[in-house]
Amino acid sequence: MNSKNKSLKEFESLYPLKFNPILKSVIWGGSAITDFKNIKPTRDGIGESWEISGVENNISEISNGELSGLSLEELLSEKKELLVGKKVYNKFGATFPLLIKFIDAKDDLSIQVHPDDEMAKERHNSFGKTEMWYVVNAAPGAFLYSGFEKSISPDEYVDSVKDGSFTGKLKKHTVKEGDVFFLPAGRVHAIGAGCFIAEIQQTSNITYRIFDYDRRDADGNTRELHTELAKDAIDFKVYDSYKTEFNNETNQPVKLISCPYFTTNLLELDIQMSRDLKKIDSFIIYMCISGHCTLKDNKGNSVFIDRGETVLIPADTESLLIIPSESSKLLEIYIE
């Protein structure tokens, strides 16, 4: 570790960073993640790939270049605003503020909700959890839940969880590739079987599980529910729409989501695109959803990003040239 620390202190210029994925085995996971990411041999039961994480005990490790083997935490501690941007560092300090994932639901995920910043700070000394989903793939008939179909009271919520009718209160969305859902803290939600999703969220692992279909593990135990904790966190308001609408454009950045926690653009490219990053005082993350590209920065660095890979562009990067090898699709994520 000492040699790593020495090389980090002596290393002047940051470059586009890749990280070793943190694969999570869960009862509802399938085999699509390792196939999508071309990890051999294909593994079953992997529900999540944490692409970039600053979550405690799940800190990402750099996998490319001279800084390979160093953790995101070590790099952030040393390079500070050069890595994440001045305003981001002033707000979040030594904590990387986003958690980036791919999720494969072979089976239905539990119905859940996340607390906002104020509640999470008070209860767990944590950030809250606002997130978004981009549907990468969906089996025919695949669906997810987001928000309420009709208004219910907190007491009706508790009763419906007890009698097993809660899912009938939720808004059910049949999904297809390219669908986008924004999930502010407090919105009840669940991913259904057959959904393969890219998820962008605040750095938080606080989840209140509301309903889990009475599933049991290999030992016959049910998973813990958080009915009462969730009641105070839930936004019971019914909204007109829960799905994010946008117009597809090729070779132009298309803004999907802009909120205080992250901005996400969609880039569908069949020709090269130049990105001027001087005014973005933030790191930038690219998730490759399809195809593959070469990213070239103003410092002379070049990195190849394939389908299923994620790259972090340091905040001190002034410009980036994105060169698709074929028709490609990227999610571009940063903090405004």
Protein backbone atom coordinates (compact mmCIF):
# COMPACT_ATOMS: atom_id res chain seq x y z
CA MET A 1 0.00 0.00 0.00
CA ASN A 2 2.90 2.37 0.72
CA SER A 3 4.13 2.07 -2.85
CA LYS A 4 0.63 2.80 -4.09
CA ASN A 5 0.38 5.90 -1.90
CA LYS A 6 3.75 7.08 -3.09
CA SER A 7 2.78 6.68 -6.74
CA LEU A 8 -0.47 8.54 -6.09
CA LYS A 9 1.30 11.54 -4.55
CA GLU A 10 3.78 11.66 -7.41
CA PHE A 11 1.11 11.23 -10.06
CA GLU A 12 0.32 14.66 -11.47
CA SER A 13 -2.28 14.18 -14.19
CA LEU A 14 -5.56 12.31 -13.84
CA TYR A 15 -6.95 10.28 -16.72
CA PRO A 16 -10.25 8.52 -17.58
CA LEU A 17 -10.77 5.87 -14.91
CA LYS A 18 -12.26 2.40 -15.02
CA PHE A 19 -13.15 0.38 -11.92
CA ASN A 20 -13.55 -3.28 -11.02
CA PRO A 21 -17.28 -4.01 -10.84
CA ILE A 22 -18.62 -5.07 -7.44
CA LEU A 23 -20.98 -7.96 -8.21
CA LYS A 24 -23.84 -8.61 -5.78
CA SER A 25 -25.41 -12.05 -5.39
CA VAL A 26 -29.10 -11.79 -4.43
CA ILE A 27 -32.13 -14.10 -4.40
CA TRP A 28 -33.74 -12.30 -7.36
CA GLY A 29 -30.64 -12.00 -9.56
CA GLY A 30 -30.04 -13.66 -12.91
CA SER A 31 -27.21 -14.14 -15.41
CA ALA A 32 -27.73 -11.10 -17.65
CA ILE A 33 -25.17 -8.85 -15.94
CA THR A 34 -22.11 -11.02 -16.50
CA ASP A 35 -23.25 -11.71 -20.08
CA PHE A 36 -23.89 -8.00 -20.76
CA LYS A 37 -20.50 -7.06 -19.34
CA ASN A 38 -18.77 -10.00 -21.08
CA ILE A 39 -17.51 -11.41 -17.78
CA LYS A 40 -16.53 -15.05 -18.24
CA PRO A 41 -17.72 -17.48 -17.19
CA THR A 42 -21.31 -16.29 -17.00
CA ARG A 43 -22.56 -16.33 -13.41
CA ASP A 44 -26.13 -16.82 -12.25
CA GLY A 45 -27.70 -15.09 -9.26
CA ILE A 46 -25.98 -11.71 -9.82
CA GLY A 47 -28.59 -9.02 -9.30
CA GLU A 48 -26.41 -5.92 -9.24
CA SER A 49 -23.10 -4.67 -10.56
CA TRP A 50 -21.93 -1.66 -8.59
CA GLU A 51 -19.96 0.13 -11.28
CA ILE A 52 -18.75 3.10 -9.24
CA SER A 53 -19.31 3.18 -5.50
CA GLY A 54 -18.26 5.25 -2.52
CA VAL A 55 -20.51 3.30 -0.14
CA GLU A 56 -18.74 2.24 3.04
CA ASN A 57 -17.32 -1.30 2.77
CA ASN A 58 -18.07 -1.22 -0.97
CA ILE A 59 -15.48 1.24 -2.26
CA SER A 60 -14.61 0.88 -5.94
CA GLU A 61 -11.06 0.02 -7.00
CA ILE A 62 -9.39 1.46 -10.10
CA SER A 63 -8.71 -1.16 -12.77
CA ASN A 64 -6.79 0.73 -15.49
CA GLY A 65 -3.58 2.69 -15.89
CA GLU A 66 -0.91 3.73 -13.41
CA LEU A 67 -3.41 4.13 -10.55
CA SER A 68 -4.70 0.57 -10.92
CA GLY A 69 -5.34 -1.01 -7.52
CA LEU A 70 -6.03 2.25 -5.73
CA SER A 71 -9.46 2.83 -4.24
CA LEU A 72 -11.80 5.64 -5.22
CA GLU A 73 -11.63 6.77 -1.59
CA GLU A 74 -7.82 7.02 -1.66
CA LEU A 75 -7.85 8.94 -4.94
CA LEU A 76 -10.54 11.36 -3.75
CA SER A 77 -8.67 11.96 -0.49
CA GLU A 78 -5.54 12.93 -2.40
CA LYS A 79 -6.86 14.68 -5.52
CA LYS A 80 -10.02 16.26 -4.08
CA GLU A 81 -11.56 18.85 -6.45
CA LEU A 82 -9.31 17.78 -9.32
CA LEU A 83 -11.25 14.52 -9.34
CA VAL A 84 -14.80 15.60 -8.47
CA GLY A 85 -14.92 19.38 -8.98
CA LYS A 86 -14.68 22.27 -6.54
CA LYS A 87 -18.37 22.69 -5.73
CA VAL A 88 -18.89 18.92 -5.46
CA TYR A 89 -15.93 18.57 -3.09
CA ASN A 90 -17.07 21.54 -0.99
CA LYS A 91 -20.48 19.89 -0.58
CA PHE A 92 -19.57 16.21 -0.16
CA GLY A 93 -15.95 16.23 0.96
CA ALA A 94 -14.30 12.81 1.05
CA THR A 95 -17.51 10.95 0.12
CA PHE A 96 -18.08 10.20 -3.55
CA PRO A 97 -21.68 11.40 -4.04
CA LEU A 98 -23.13 8.90 -6.55
CA LEU A 99 -23.62 5.15 -6.77
CA ILE A 100 -23.79 3.77 -10.31
CA LYS A 101 -25.29 0.32 -10.97
CA PHE A 102 -26.56 -2.19 -13.47
CA ILE A 103 -29.50 -4.25 -12.13
CA ASP A 104 -30.77 -7.57 -13.49
CA ALA A 105 -34.14 -8.71 -12.12
CA LYS A 106 -34.69 -12.40 -12.87
CA ASP A 107 -37.47 -12.26 -10.27
CA ASP A 108 -39.51 -9.38 -8.82
CA LEU A 109 -37.69 -7.09 -6.40
CA SER A 110 -39.32 -6.14 -3.12
CA ILE A 111 -41.61 -3.11 -2.90
CA GLN A 112 -39.54 -0.42 -1.24
CA VAL A 113 -39.01 3.26 -0.51
CA HIS A 114 -36.02 5.41 0.48
CA PRO A 115 -35.83 8.30 2.96
CA ASP A 116 -34.89 11.83 1.96
CA ASP A 117 -31.73 13.59 3.16
CA GLU A 118 -33.27 14.98 6.33
CA MET A 119 -34.77 11.69 7.50
CA ALA A 120 -31.72 9.64 6.49
CA LYS A 121 -29.41 12.01 8.35
CA GLU A 122 -31.54 11.89 11.49
CA ARG A 123 -32.12 8.12 11.49
CA HIS A 124 -28.98 6.70 9.89
CA ASN A 125 -26.41 9.52 9.61
CA SER A 126 -26.56 8.94 5.86
CA PHE A 127 -27.52 10.71 2.67
CA GLY A 128 -31.03 10.12 1.41
CA LYS A 129 -31.65 8.19 -1.77
CA THR A 130 -33.04 9.82 -4.87
CA GLU A 131 -32.44 7.73 -7.97
CA MET A 132 -33.34 7.14 -11.61
CA TRP A 133 -33.76 4.11 -13.86
CA TYR A 134 -32.90 3.71 -17.54
CA VAL A 135 -34.33 0.48 -18.96
CA VAL A 136 -31.51 -1.19 -20.90
CA ASN A 137 -33.50 -4.30 -21.81
CA ALA A 138 -36.94 -5.68 -20.94
CA ALA A 139 -38.50 -9.07 -21.55
CA PRO A 140 -41.95 -9.05 -23.21
CA GLY A 141 -44.51 -8.01 -20.61
CA ALA A 142 -41.89 -6.89 -18.06
CA PHE A 143 -43.08 -4.19 -15.70
CA LEU A 144 -42.11 -2.08 -12.73
CA TYR A 145 -43.96 -0.16 -10.03
CA SER A 146 -43.49 3.56 -9.50
CA GLY A 147 -45.83 5.66 -7.37
CA PHE A 148 -49.49 5.19 -6.46
CA GLU A 149 -52.40 4.38 -8.77
CA LYS A 150 -54.85 5.98 -6.35
CA SER A 151 -54.68 7.92 -3.13
CA ILE A 152 -54.44 6.03 0.17
CA SER A 153 -53.88 7.15 3.74
CA PRO A 154 -50.97 6.03 5.93
CA ASP A 155 -53.35 3.79 7.89
CA GLU A 156 -54.70 2.23 4.68
CA TYR A 157 -51.10 1.62 3.64
CA VAL A 158 -50.41 -0.35 6.85
CA ASP A 159 -53.61 -2.38 6.47
CA SER A 160 -52.92 -3.21 2.81
CA VAL A 161 -49.40 -4.41 3.64
CA LYS A 162 -50.82 -6.68 6.34
CA ASP A 163 -53.54 -8.19 4.11
CA GLY A 164 -51.27 -8.52 1.03
CA SER A 165 -53.18 -6.09 -1.19
CA PHE A 166 -50.57 -3.32 -1.26
CA THR A 167 -49.31 -3.92 -4.80
CA GLY A 168 -52.83 -3.24 -6.06
CA LYS A 169 -52.50 0.34 -4.81
CA LEU A 170 -49.40 1.01 -6.93
CA LYS A 171 -49.00 2.33 -10.47
CA LYS A 172 -47.82 -0.53 -12.69
CA HIS A 173 -45.82 0.35 -15.82
CA THR A 174 -45.15 -2.11 -18.63
CA VAL A 175 -41.68 -1.17 -19.86
CA LYS A 176 -39.48 -1.38 -22.93
CA GLU A 177 -35.89 -0.57 -23.81
CA GLY A 178 -35.16 3.14 -23.39
CA ASP A 179 -37.84 3.93 -20.80
CA VAL A 180 -36.78 6.32 -18.04
CA PHE A 181 -38.16 6.75 -14.52
CA PHE A 182 -37.14 9.37 -11.96
CA LEU A 183 -37.55 8.20 -8.36
CA PRO A 184 -37.24 10.99 -5.81
CA ALA A 185 -36.83 9.92 -2.20
CA GLY A 186 -40.24 8.98 -0.83
CA ARG A 187 -41.60 7.40 -4.01
CA VAL A 188 -42.67 3.76 -3.55
CA HIS A 189 -41.20 1.57 -6.29
CA ALA A 190 -40.09 -1.90 -7.36
CA ILE A 191 -38.41 -3.48 -10.38
CA GLY A 192 -40.30 -6.42 -11.88
CA ALA A 193 -38.93 -9.66 -13.31
CA GLY A 194 -37.42 -9.35 -16.78
CA CYS A 195 -36.09 -5.80 -16.35
CA PHE A 196 -32.42 -4.97 -16.93
CA ILE A 197 -31.76 -1.46 -15.69
CA ALA A 198 -29.04 1.16 -15.34
CA GLU A 199 -29.49 2.95 -12.02
CA ILE A 200 -28.03 6.28 -10.93
CA GLN A 201 -28.52 7.20 -7.28
CA GLN A 202 -27.21 9.13 -4.33
CA THR A 203 -24.51 7.42 -2.31
CA SER A 204 -26.76 5.64 0.16
CA ASN A 205 -27.64 2.06 0.92
CA ILE A 206 -30.72 2.88 3.05
CA THR A 207 -33.76 0.94 1.84
CA TYR A 208 -37.08 0.41 3.62
CA ARG A 209 -38.53 -2.87 2.42
CA ILE A 210 -42.35 -2.71 2.44
CA PHE A 211 -43.48 -5.95 0.84
CA ASP A 212 -41.58 -9.03 -0.37
CA TYR A 213 -44.25 -11.48 -1.59
CA ASP A 214 -43.66 -13.65 1.49
CA ARG A 215 -40.48 -15.02 -0.12
CA ARG A 216 -38.26 -17.28 1.95
CA ASP A 217 -34.55 -17.99 1.79
CA ALA A 218 -32.90 -21.42 1.75
CA ASP A 219 -33.41 -21.65 5.51
CA GLY A 220 -37.11 -20.85 5.27
CA ASN A 221 -36.75 -17.32 6.67
CA THR A 222 -38.58 -14.28 5.32
CA ARG A 223 -36.69 -11.06 4.75
CA GLU A 224 -37.13 -8.21 7.24
CA LEU A 225 -39.84 -5.65 6.45
CA HIS A 226 -39.76 -2.00 7.54
CA THR A 227 -43.47 -1.15 7.45
CA GLU A 228 -43.46 1.53 10.15
CA LEU A 229 -40.15 3.13 9.15
CA ALA A 230 -41.42 3.35 5.57
CA LYS A 231 -44.72 4.95 6.56
CA ASP A 232 -43.02 8.18 7.59
CA ALA A 233 -40.82 8.20 4.47
CA ILE A 234 -43.53 7.61 1.83
CA ASP A 235 -44.84 10.39 -0.39
CA PHE A 236 -48.53 9.42 -0.58
CA LYS A 237 -49.39 12.01 -3.25
CA VAL A 238 -50.71 10.67 -6.58
CA TYR A 239 -48.98 12.25 -9.60
CA ASP A 240 -50.28 12.60 -13.16
CA SER A 241 -47.24 10.86 -14.62
CA TYR A 242 -44.32 8.86 -13.25
CA LYS A 243 -42.48 8.11 -16.47
CA THR A 244 -39.97 10.60 -17.91
CA GLU A 245 -40.76 11.58 -21.50
CA PHE A 246 -38.06 12.76 -23.89
CA ASN A 247 -37.38 13.03 -27.62
CA ASN A 248 -34.68 10.81 -29.07
CA GLU A 249 -32.04 12.63 -31.12
CA THR A 250 -28.99 11.09 -32.75
CA ASN A 251 -25.59 12.73 -32.29
CA GLN A 252 -27.00 15.31 -29.86
CA PRO A 253 -26.98 15.14 -26.04
CA VAL A 254 -30.55 14.58 -24.82
CA LYS A 255 -31.24 15.59 -21.21
CA LEU A 256 -33.17 12.87 -19.38
CA ILE A 257 -33.04 13.98 -15.74
CA SER A 258 -31.81 17.11 -14.01
CA CYS A 259 -32.11 17.30 -10.22
CA PRO A 260 -29.93 18.63 -7.38
CA TYR A 261 -28.25 15.22 -7.05
CA PHE A 262 -27.36 14.42 -10.66
CA THR A 263 -27.93 15.28 -14.30
CA THR A 264 -28.18 12.47 -16.83
CA ASN A 265 -27.98 12.85 -20.60
CA LEU A 266 -28.45 10.24 -23.31
CA LEU A 267 -25.92 10.18 -26.17
CA GLU A 268 -26.85 8.09 -29.21
CA LEU A 269 -23.91 8.31 -31.59
CA ASP A 270 -22.93 7.08 -35.02
CA ILE A 271 -20.37 9.86 -35.62
CA GLN A 272 -17.83 11.37 -33.26
CA MET A 273 -18.92 14.01 -30.74
CA SER A 274 -16.82 16.65 -29.01
CA ARG A 275 -17.81 17.60 -25.45
CA ASP A 276 -16.63 20.93 -23.97
CA LEU A 277 -16.34 20.24 -20.24
CA LYS A 278 -14.73 23.47 -19.02
CA LYS A 279 -17.97 24.85 -17.55
CA ILE A 280 -18.97 21.59 -15.82
CA ASP A 281 -17.41 21.79 -12.36
CA SER A 282 -17.95 18.07 -11.80
CA PHE A 283 -16.65 14.63 -12.60
CA ILE A 284 -18.48 13.02 -15.54
CA ILE A 285 -19.47 9.36 -15.76
CA TYR A 286 -20.17 7.47 -18.98
CA MET A 287 -22.09 4.19 -18.94
CA CYS A 288 -21.98 2.32 -22.24
CA ILE A 289 -25.43 0.88 -22.92
CA SER A 290 -24.72 -0.42 -26.42
CA GLY A 291 -21.88 -0.46 -28.94
CA HIS A 292 -18.42 0.76 -27.99
CA CYS A 293 -16.47 4.02 -28.17
CA THR A 294 -13.04 5.52 -27.69
CA LEU A 295 -12.83 8.51 -25.33
CA LYS A 296 -9.95 10.95 -25.92
CA ASP A 297 -9.33 13.84 -23.50
CA ASN A 298 -7.46 17.13 -23.93
CA LYS A 299 -4.47 15.72 -22.00
CA GLY A 300 -3.72 13.09 -24.63
CA ASN A 301 -5.30 10.19 -22.75
CA SER A 302 -7.43 7.62 -24.55
CA VAL A 303 -9.68 4.88 -23.18
CA PHE A 304 -11.92 2.31 -24.85
CA ILE A 305 -15.39 1.80 -23.38
CA ASP A 306 -17.35 -1.29 -24.35
CA ARG A 307 -20.96 -2.25 -23.75
CA GLY A 308 -21.50 -2.76 -20.02
CA GLU A 309 -18.48 -0.67 -19.01
CA THR A 310 -18.41 2.56 -17.03
CA VAL A 311 -15.76 5.28 -17.11
CA LEU A 312 -15.20 8.26 -14.79
CA ILE A 313 -13.80 11.42 -16.38
CA PRO A 314 -12.03 13.59 -13.75
CA ALA A 315 -13.32 17.11 -13.20
CA ASP A 316 -10.06 18.73 -14.34
CA THR A 317 -10.67 17.44 -17.89
CA GLU A 318 -11.43 20.35 -20.23
CA SER A 319 -12.67 18.54 -23.30
CA LEU A 320 -13.49 15.05 -24.53
CA LEU A 321 -13.79 13.51 -27.97
CA ILE A 322 -16.14 10.52 -28.14
CA ILE A 323 -15.49 8.29 -31.15
CA PRO A 324 -18.01 5.46 -31.66
CA SER A 325 -16.71 2.32 -33.36
CA GLU A 326 -20.31 1.57 -34.35
CA SER A 327 -23.71 2.98 -33.52
CA SER A 328 -23.45 3.38 -29.73
CA LYS A 329 -25.44 4.58 -26.77
CA LEU A 330 -24.03 6.20 -23.63
CA LEU A 331 -25.49 7.64 -20.46
CA GLU A 332 -23.60 10.80 -19.40
CA ILE A 333 -23.88 11.67 -15.69
CA TYR A 334 -22.59 14.62 -13.68
CA ILE A 335 -23.62 17.06 -10.92
CA GLU A 336 -24.63 20.59 -11.90
